[in-house]
């Protein structure tokens, strides 16, 4: 049997515990503000990832420095 390398339930529990600690001692108003800010950040992250996915699907990539690209090209080239 293959050993587990990832446990989804354990990850969920760790995340829930982290949120519980962050919210501990907050008033209702503070919790509402926390979730408002986290929601904004989540939406910004989603938008950034959508743009990255669109760039990846069209082949658009940020320009690389020429020297680095040249080194990578030579380093990856097969030797005769």
C-alpha atoms as a PDB file:
ATOM      1  CA  UNK A   1       0.000   0.000   0.000  1.00  0.00           C
ATOM      2  CA  UNK A   2       1.265   3.441  -0.910  1.00  0.00           C
ATOM      3  CA  UNK A   3       2.044   5.796   1.978  1.00  0.00           C
ATOM      4  CA  UNK A   4      -0.014   8.987   2.169  1.00  0.00           C
ATOM      5  CA  UNK A   5       1.899  12.078   1.201  1.00  0.00           C
ATOM      6  CA  UNK A   6      -1.018  14.469   1.693  1.00  0.00           C
ATOM      7  CA  UNK A   7      -3.889  14.415   4.193  1.00  0.00           C
ATOM      8  CA  UNK A   8      -6.717  16.759   3.198  1.00  0.00           C
ATOM      9  CA  UNK A   9      -8.590  16.381   6.497  1.00  0.00           C
ATOM     10  CA  UNK A  10      -5.466  17.193   8.499  1.00  0.00           C
ATOM     11  CA  UNK A  11      -4.836  20.271   6.340  1.00  0.00           C
ATOM     12  CA  UNK A  12      -8.431  21.432   6.919  1.00  0.00           C
ATOM     13  CA  UNK A  13      -8.072  20.962  10.662  1.00  0.00           C
ATOM     14  CA  UNK A  14      -4.793  22.913  10.771  1.00  0.00           C
ATOM     15  CA  UNK A  15      -6.404  25.745   8.805  1.00  0.00           C
ATOM     16  CA  UNK A  16      -9.425  25.824  11.095  1.00  0.00           C
ATOM     17  CA  UNK A  17      -7.166  25.922  14.155  1.00  0.00           C
ATOM     18  CA  UNK A  18      -5.165  28.801  12.666  1.00  0.00           C
ATOM     19  CA  UNK A  19      -8.352  30.811  12.034  1.00  0.00           C
ATOM     20  CA  UNK A  20      -9.630  30.000  15.528  1.00  0.00           C
ATOM     21  CA  UNK A  21      -6.413  31.369  17.045  1.00  0.00           C
ATOM     22  CA  UNK A  22      -6.507  34.505  14.892  1.00  0.00           C
ATOM     23  CA  UNK A  23     -10.109  35.225  15.882  1.00  0.00           C
ATOM     24  CA  UNK A  24      -9.638  34.454  19.582  1.00  0.00           C
ATOM     25  CA  UNK A  25     -10.468  37.477  21.700  1.00  0.00           C
ATOM     26  CA  UNK A  26     -11.915  39.522  18.833  1.00  0.00           C
ATOM     27  CA  UNK A  27     -15.217  41.302  19.158  1.00  0.00           C
ATOM     28  CA  UNK A  28     -17.962  40.602  16.632  1.00  0.00           C
ATOM     29  CA  UNK A  29     -17.121  43.855  14.833  1.00  0.00           C
ATOM     30  CA  UNK A  30     -13.437  42.887  14.652  1.00  0.00           C
ATOM     31  CA  UNK A  31     -14.314  39.445  13.279  1.00  0.00           C
ATOM     32  CA  UNK A  32     -16.537  41.007  10.620  1.00  0.00           C
ATOM     33  CA  UNK A  33     -13.700  43.342   9.603  1.00  0.00           C
ATOM     34  CA  UNK A  34     -11.236  40.432   9.557  1.00  0.00           C
ATOM     35  CA  UNK A  35     -13.472  38.474   7.174  1.00  0.00           C
ATOM     36  CA  UNK A  36     -14.146  41.537   5.006  1.00  0.00           C
ATOM     37  CA  UNK A  37     -10.414  42.105   4.551  1.00  0.00           C
ATOM     38  CA  UNK A  38      -9.699  38.412   3.964  1.00  0.00           C
ATOM     39  CA  UNK A  39     -12.471  38.292   1.350  1.00  0.00           C
ATOM     40  CA  UNK A  40     -10.961  41.276  -0.472  1.00  0.00           C
ATOM     41  CA  UNK A  41      -7.539  39.640  -0.415  1.00  0.00           C
ATOM     42  CA  UNK A  42      -9.028  36.366  -1.678  1.00  0.00           C
ATOM     43  CA  UNK A  43     -10.736  38.138  -4.575  1.00  0.00           C
ATOM     44  CA  UNK A  44      -7.494  39.912  -5.490  1.00  0.00           C
ATOM     45  CA  UNK A  45      -5.626  36.600  -5.414  1.00  0.00           C
ATOM     46  CA  UNK A  46      -8.264  34.998  -7.632  1.00  0.00           C
ATOM     47  CA  UNK A  47      -7.994  37.824 -10.153  1.00  0.00           C
ATOM     48  CA  UNK A  48      -4.193  37.586 -10.194  1.00  0.00           C
ATOM     49  CA  UNK A  49      -4.390  33.830 -10.774  1.00  0.00           C
ATOM     50  CA  UNK A  50      -6.932  34.281 -13.580  1.00  0.00           C
ATOM     51  CA  UNK A  51      -4.550  36.668 -15.328  1.00  0.00           C
ATOM     52  CA  UNK A  52      -1.642  34.248 -14.859  1.00  0.00           C
ATOM     53  CA  UNK A  53      -3.703  31.351 -16.214  1.00  0.00           C
ATOM     54  CA  UNK A  54      -4.767  33.405 -19.224  1.00  0.00           C
ATOM     55  CA  UNK A  55      -1.160  34.396 -19.886  1.00  0.00           C
ATOM     56  CA  UNK A  56      -0.040  30.782 -19.617  1.00  0.00           C
ATOM     57  CA  UNK A  57      -2.718  29.558 -22.019  1.00  0.00           C
ATOM     58  CA  UNK A  58      -1.808  32.160 -24.655  1.00  0.00           C
ATOM     59  CA  UNK A  59       1.916  31.668 -24.259  1.00  0.00           C
ATOM     60  CA  UNK A  60       2.505  35.151 -22.890  1.00  0.00           C
ATOM     61  CA  UNK A  61       5.305  35.257 -20.407  1.00  0.00           C
ATOM     62  CA  UNK A  62       7.198  38.048 -18.712  1.00  0.00           C
ATOM     63  CA  UNK A  63      10.387  38.962 -20.528  1.00  0.00           C
ATOM     64  CA  UNK A  64      13.500  37.317 -19.169  1.00  0.00           C
ATOM     65  CA  UNK A  65      16.954  38.779 -19.105  1.00  0.00           C
ATOM     66  CA  UNK A  66      18.870  37.819 -22.211  1.00  0.00           C
ATOM     67  CA  UNK A  67      21.959  36.612 -20.374  1.00  0.00           C
ATOM     68  CA  UNK A  68      19.987  34.281 -18.142  1.00  0.00           C
ATOM     69  CA  UNK A  69      17.995  32.907 -21.060  1.00  0.00           C
ATOM     70  CA  UNK A  70      21.241  32.290 -22.962  1.00  0.00           C
ATOM     71  CA  UNK A  71      22.800  30.461 -20.027  1.00  0.00           C
ATOM     72  CA  UNK A  72      19.701  28.347 -19.558  1.00  0.00           C
ATOM     73  CA  UNK A  73      19.678  27.513 -23.261  1.00  0.00           C
ATOM     74  CA  UNK A  74      23.303  26.360 -23.182  1.00  0.00           C
ATOM     75  CA  UNK A  75      22.962  24.539 -19.900  1.00  0.00           C
ATOM     76  CA  UNK A  76      19.992  22.555 -21.220  1.00  0.00           C
ATOM     77  CA  UNK A  77      21.519  21.812 -24.611  1.00  0.00           C
ATOM     78  CA  UNK A  78      22.529  18.208 -25.199  1.00  0.00           C
ATOM     79  CA  UNK A  79      26.224  17.597 -25.582  1.00  0.00           C
ATOM     80  CA  UNK A  80      27.344  15.770 -28.745  1.00  0.00           C
END
